[in-house]
């Protein structure tokens, strides 16, 4: 799937609406193949982003876990280390 879509569940601080919308945008871009839709497809493109963002938010709020919350900075540091090892 799209590498720009990040895991949003079980983080401290919790996910923001902007992060959910950004992931939804990336998902719609991936499945449509459009980075920017034409004027004819713009309304459907934006409606899909809104629908996916609502469904994602509903899903994230309904999930439960006993695992401790992950720290965003620590996860980002791990990702940078993996990328450095991969592309070095």
N, C-alpha and C. Protein backbone atom coordinates (compact mmCIF):
# COMPACT_ATOMS: atom_id res chain seq x y z
N UNK A 1 0.85 -1.17 0.00
CA UNK A 1 0.00 0.00 0.00
C UNK A 1 0.89 1.23 0.00
N UNK A 2 0.33 2.35 0.22
CA UNK A 2 1.03 3.61 0.14
C UNK A 2 1.93 3.82 1.36
N UNK A 3 3.17 4.13 1.11
CA UNK A 3 4.11 4.31 2.22
C UNK A 3 3.83 5.55 3.04
N UNK A 4 3.06 6.50 2.50
CA UNK A 4 2.78 7.74 3.23
C UNK A 4 1.65 7.58 4.24
N UNK A 5 0.94 6.47 4.19
CA UNK A 5 -0.12 6.24 5.16
C UNK A 5 0.51 5.62 6.40
N UNK A 6 0.39 6.30 7.51
CA UNK A 6 1.01 5.87 8.76
C UNK A 6 0.00 5.23 9.69
N UNK A 7 0.50 4.39 10.58
CA UNK A 7 -0.35 3.83 11.63
C UNK A 7 -0.79 4.97 12.54
N UNK A 8 -2.07 5.01 12.85
CA UNK A 8 -2.62 6.11 13.65
C UNK A 8 -3.17 5.66 14.99
N UNK A 9 -3.20 4.36 15.24
CA UNK A 9 -3.82 3.85 16.45
C UNK A 9 -2.82 3.69 17.58
N UNK A 10 -3.27 4.02 18.79
CA UNK A 10 -2.55 3.76 20.03
C UNK A 10 -1.27 4.59 20.18
N UNK A 11 -1.38 5.87 19.89
CA UNK A 11 -0.24 6.76 20.06
C UNK A 11 -0.52 7.78 21.15
N UNK A 12 0.52 8.28 21.72
CA UNK A 12 0.44 9.36 22.69
C UNK A 12 1.30 10.49 22.16
N UNK A 13 0.77 11.64 21.83
CA UNK A 13 -0.62 12.06 21.92
C UNK A 13 -1.48 11.37 20.86
N UNK A 14 -2.80 11.34 21.10
CA UNK A 14 -3.71 10.67 20.17
C UNK A 14 -3.71 11.32 18.79
N UNK A 15 -4.24 10.58 17.84
CA UNK A 15 -4.31 11.06 16.47
C UNK A 15 -5.16 12.32 16.38
N UNK A 16 -4.80 13.20 15.46
CA UNK A 16 -5.55 14.44 15.24
C UNK A 16 -6.42 14.27 13.99
N UNK A 17 -7.47 15.07 13.87
CA UNK A 17 -8.30 15.02 12.66
C UNK A 17 -7.49 15.31 11.39
N UNK A 18 -6.48 16.16 11.50
CA UNK A 18 -5.64 16.48 10.34
C UNK A 18 -4.86 15.25 9.88
N UNK A 19 -4.38 14.45 10.82
CA UNK A 19 -3.65 13.23 10.47
C UNK A 19 -4.56 12.21 9.81
N UNK A 20 -5.78 12.09 10.31
CA UNK A 20 -6.74 11.16 9.71
C UNK A 20 -7.07 11.62 8.29
N UNK A 21 -7.28 12.90 8.11
CA UNK A 21 -7.60 13.44 6.77
C UNK A 21 -6.42 13.25 5.82
N UNK A 22 -5.20 13.46 6.29
CA UNK A 22 -4.03 13.27 5.43
C UNK A 22 -3.90 11.81 4.99
N UNK A 23 -4.15 10.87 5.89
CA UNK A 23 -4.10 9.46 5.54
C UNK A 23 -5.22 9.12 4.55
N UNK A 24 -6.39 9.71 4.75
CA UNK A 24 -7.52 9.49 3.84
C UNK A 24 -7.21 10.03 2.45
N UNK A 25 -6.59 11.19 2.39
CA UNK A 25 -6.19 11.77 1.11
C UNK A 25 -5.20 10.86 0.39
N UNK A 26 -4.22 10.34 1.12
CA UNK A 26 -3.23 9.45 0.51
C UNK A 26 -3.90 8.18 -0.01
N UNK A 27 -4.85 7.65 0.74
CA UNK A 27 -5.56 6.45 0.31
C UNK A 27 -6.34 6.71 -0.97
N UNK A 28 -7.08 7.81 -1.03
CA UNK A 28 -7.86 8.14 -2.23
C UNK A 28 -6.93 8.38 -3.41
N UNK A 29 -5.82 9.07 -3.19
CA UNK A 29 -4.85 9.27 -4.27
C UNK A 29 -4.34 7.94 -4.80
N UNK A 30 -4.06 7.01 -3.90
CA UNK A 30 -3.51 5.72 -4.30
C UNK A 30 -4.51 4.93 -5.12
N UNK A 31 -5.75 4.83 -4.66
CA UNK A 31 -6.70 3.98 -5.36
C UNK A 31 -7.23 4.62 -6.65
N UNK A 32 -7.21 5.96 -6.74
CA UNK A 32 -7.68 6.60 -7.98
C UNK A 32 -6.55 6.80 -8.98
N UNK A 33 -5.32 6.90 -8.49
CA UNK A 33 -4.21 7.20 -9.38
C UNK A 33 -4.10 8.69 -9.68
N UNK A 34 -4.91 9.52 -9.03
CA UNK A 34 -4.88 10.97 -9.23
C UNK A 34 -4.15 11.63 -8.08
N UNK A 35 -3.24 12.54 -8.40
CA UNK A 35 -2.66 13.39 -7.35
C UNK A 35 -3.60 14.56 -7.12
N UNK A 36 -4.06 15.15 -8.22
CA UNK A 36 -5.07 16.20 -8.19
C UNK A 36 -6.14 15.80 -9.19
N UNK A 37 -7.40 15.70 -8.78
CA UNK A 37 -8.45 15.30 -9.71
C UNK A 37 -8.79 16.42 -10.68
N UNK A 38 -9.40 16.05 -11.78
CA UNK A 38 -9.90 17.06 -12.72
C UNK A 38 -11.10 17.75 -12.08
N UNK A 39 -11.50 18.87 -12.65
CA UNK A 39 -12.67 19.59 -12.13
C UNK A 39 -13.91 18.69 -12.14
N UNK A 40 -14.02 17.83 -13.15
CA UNK A 40 -15.18 16.94 -13.26
C UNK A 40 -15.21 15.92 -12.12
N UNK A 41 -14.05 15.54 -11.62
CA UNK A 41 -13.97 14.50 -10.57
C UNK A 41 -13.70 15.07 -9.18
N UNK A 42 -13.53 16.36 -9.07
CA UNK A 42 -13.14 16.97 -7.80
C UNK A 42 -14.16 16.72 -6.68
N UNK A 43 -15.45 16.85 -6.96
CA UNK A 43 -16.47 16.66 -5.93
C UNK A 43 -16.46 15.22 -5.42
N UNK A 44 -16.38 14.25 -6.33
CA UNK A 44 -16.35 12.84 -5.92
C UNK A 44 -15.08 12.53 -5.14
N UNK A 45 -13.96 13.08 -5.57
CA UNK A 45 -12.67 12.90 -4.91
C UNK A 45 -12.74 13.41 -3.47
N UNK A 46 -13.23 14.63 -3.29
CA UNK A 46 -13.32 15.23 -1.95
C UNK A 46 -14.35 14.51 -1.08
N UNK A 47 -15.46 14.07 -1.68
CA UNK A 47 -16.46 13.32 -0.90
C UNK A 47 -15.87 12.00 -0.41
N UNK A 48 -15.07 11.34 -1.25
CA UNK A 48 -14.44 10.08 -0.85
C UNK A 48 -13.47 10.32 0.31
N UNK A 49 -12.71 11.39 0.27
CA UNK A 49 -11.78 11.71 1.35
C UNK A 49 -12.55 11.91 2.65
N UNK A 50 -13.64 12.66 2.59
CA UNK A 50 -14.46 12.91 3.78
C UNK A 50 -15.07 11.61 4.33
N UNK A 51 -15.58 10.77 3.44
CA UNK A 51 -16.18 9.50 3.86
C UNK A 51 -15.15 8.60 4.53
N UNK A 52 -13.99 8.50 3.95
CA UNK A 52 -12.93 7.65 4.50
C UNK A 52 -12.42 8.21 5.83
N UNK A 53 -12.31 9.52 5.92
CA UNK A 53 -11.87 10.13 7.18
C UNK A 53 -12.88 9.85 8.30
N UNK A 54 -14.17 9.95 7.99
CA UNK A 54 -15.20 9.66 9.01
C UNK A 54 -15.14 8.19 9.43
N UNK A 55 -15.04 7.30 8.46
CA UNK A 55 -14.97 5.87 8.78
C UNK A 55 -13.72 5.54 9.58
N UNK A 56 -12.60 6.16 9.22
CA UNK A 56 -11.34 5.92 9.93
C UNK A 56 -11.41 6.42 11.36
N UNK A 57 -11.99 7.59 11.55
CA UNK A 57 -12.13 8.15 12.89
C UNK A 57 -13.02 7.25 13.75
N UNK A 58 -14.12 6.80 13.17
CA UNK A 58 -15.03 5.90 13.88
C UNK A 58 -14.30 4.61 14.27
N UNK A 59 -13.52 4.06 13.35
CA UNK A 59 -12.76 2.84 13.62
C UNK A 59 -11.76 3.07 14.74
N UNK A 60 -10.97 4.12 14.64
CA UNK A 60 -9.93 4.39 15.64
C UNK A 60 -10.52 4.58 17.03
N UNK A 61 -11.71 5.19 17.12
CA UNK A 61 -12.33 5.40 18.42
C UNK A 61 -12.96 4.12 18.98
N UNK A 62 -13.26 3.16 18.12
CA UNK A 62 -13.90 1.94 18.59
C UNK A 62 -12.89 0.84 18.95
N UNK A 63 -11.64 0.97 18.53
CA UNK A 63 -10.64 -0.05 18.81
C UNK A 63 -10.22 -0.02 20.27
N UNK A 64 -9.89 -1.19 20.79
CA UNK A 64 -9.42 -1.33 22.17
C UNK A 64 -8.13 -2.11 22.17
N UNK A 65 -7.27 -1.83 23.13
CA UNK A 65 -6.02 -2.56 23.28
C UNK A 65 -5.56 -2.50 24.72
N UNK A 66 -4.79 -3.50 25.11
CA UNK A 66 -4.17 -3.48 26.44
C UNK A 66 -2.71 -3.07 26.35
N UNK A 67 -2.23 -2.89 25.13
CA UNK A 67 -0.83 -2.49 24.93
C UNK A 67 -0.63 -1.04 25.37
N UNK A 68 0.55 -0.73 25.88
CA UNK A 68 0.81 0.66 26.25
C UNK A 68 0.86 1.54 25.01
N UNK A 69 0.52 2.80 25.19
CA UNK A 69 0.56 3.75 24.06
C UNK A 69 1.99 3.93 23.58
N UNK A 70 2.13 4.04 22.27
CA UNK A 70 3.45 4.26 21.68
C UNK A 70 3.76 5.74 21.63
N UNK A 71 5.03 6.05 21.79
CA UNK A 71 5.49 7.43 21.75
C UNK A 71 5.80 7.81 20.30
N UNK A 72 5.24 8.90 19.84
CA UNK A 72 5.44 9.32 18.45
C UNK A 72 6.91 9.59 18.12
N UNK A 73 7.61 10.28 19.00
CA UNK A 73 9.01 10.61 18.72
C UNK A 73 9.87 9.35 18.66
N UNK A 74 9.62 8.41 19.56
CA UNK A 74 10.39 7.17 19.56
C UNK A 74 10.13 6.37 18.29
N UNK A 75 8.87 6.31 17.85
CA UNK A 75 8.55 5.60 16.61
C UNK A 75 9.19 6.28 15.40
N UNK A 76 9.19 7.61 15.40
CA UNK A 76 9.81 8.36 14.30
C UNK A 76 11.32 8.12 14.27
N UNK A 77 11.95 8.06 15.44
CA UNK A 77 13.39 7.80 15.50
C UNK A 77 13.71 6.41 14.97
N UNK A 78 12.88 5.42 15.31
CA UNK A 78 13.07 4.06 14.79
C UNK A 78 12.94 4.05 13.27
N UNK A 79 11.96 4.77 12.75
CA UNK A 79 11.75 4.83 11.30
C UNK A 79 12.93 5.48 10.61
N UNK A 80 13.46 6.55 11.20
CA UNK A 80 14.64 7.22 10.62
C UNK A 80 15.84 6.29 10.62
N UNK A 81 16.01 5.52 11.69
CA UNK A 81 17.13 4.57 11.77
C UNK A 81 16.98 3.48 10.71
N UNK A 82 15.76 2.98 10.52
CA UNK A 82 15.53 1.97 9.47
C UNK A 82 15.82 2.54 8.09
N UNK A 83 15.38 3.78 7.87
CA UNK A 83 15.62 4.41 6.57
C UNK A 83 17.10 4.65 6.33
N UNK A 84 17.81 5.06 7.39
CA UNK A 84 19.26 5.30 7.25
C UNK A 84 19.98 3.99 6.92
N UNK A 85 19.58 2.91 7.57
CA UNK A 85 20.21 1.62 7.28
C UNK A 85 19.85 1.13 5.88
N UNK A 86 18.64 1.39 5.47
CA UNK A 86 18.17 0.92 4.16
C UNK A 86 18.81 1.69 3.01
N UNK A 87 18.93 3.00 3.16
CA UNK A 87 19.39 3.85 2.06
C UNK A 87 20.83 4.31 2.21
N UNK A 88 21.53 3.82 3.21
CA UNK A 88 22.91 4.27 3.43
C UNK A 88 23.87 3.66 2.43
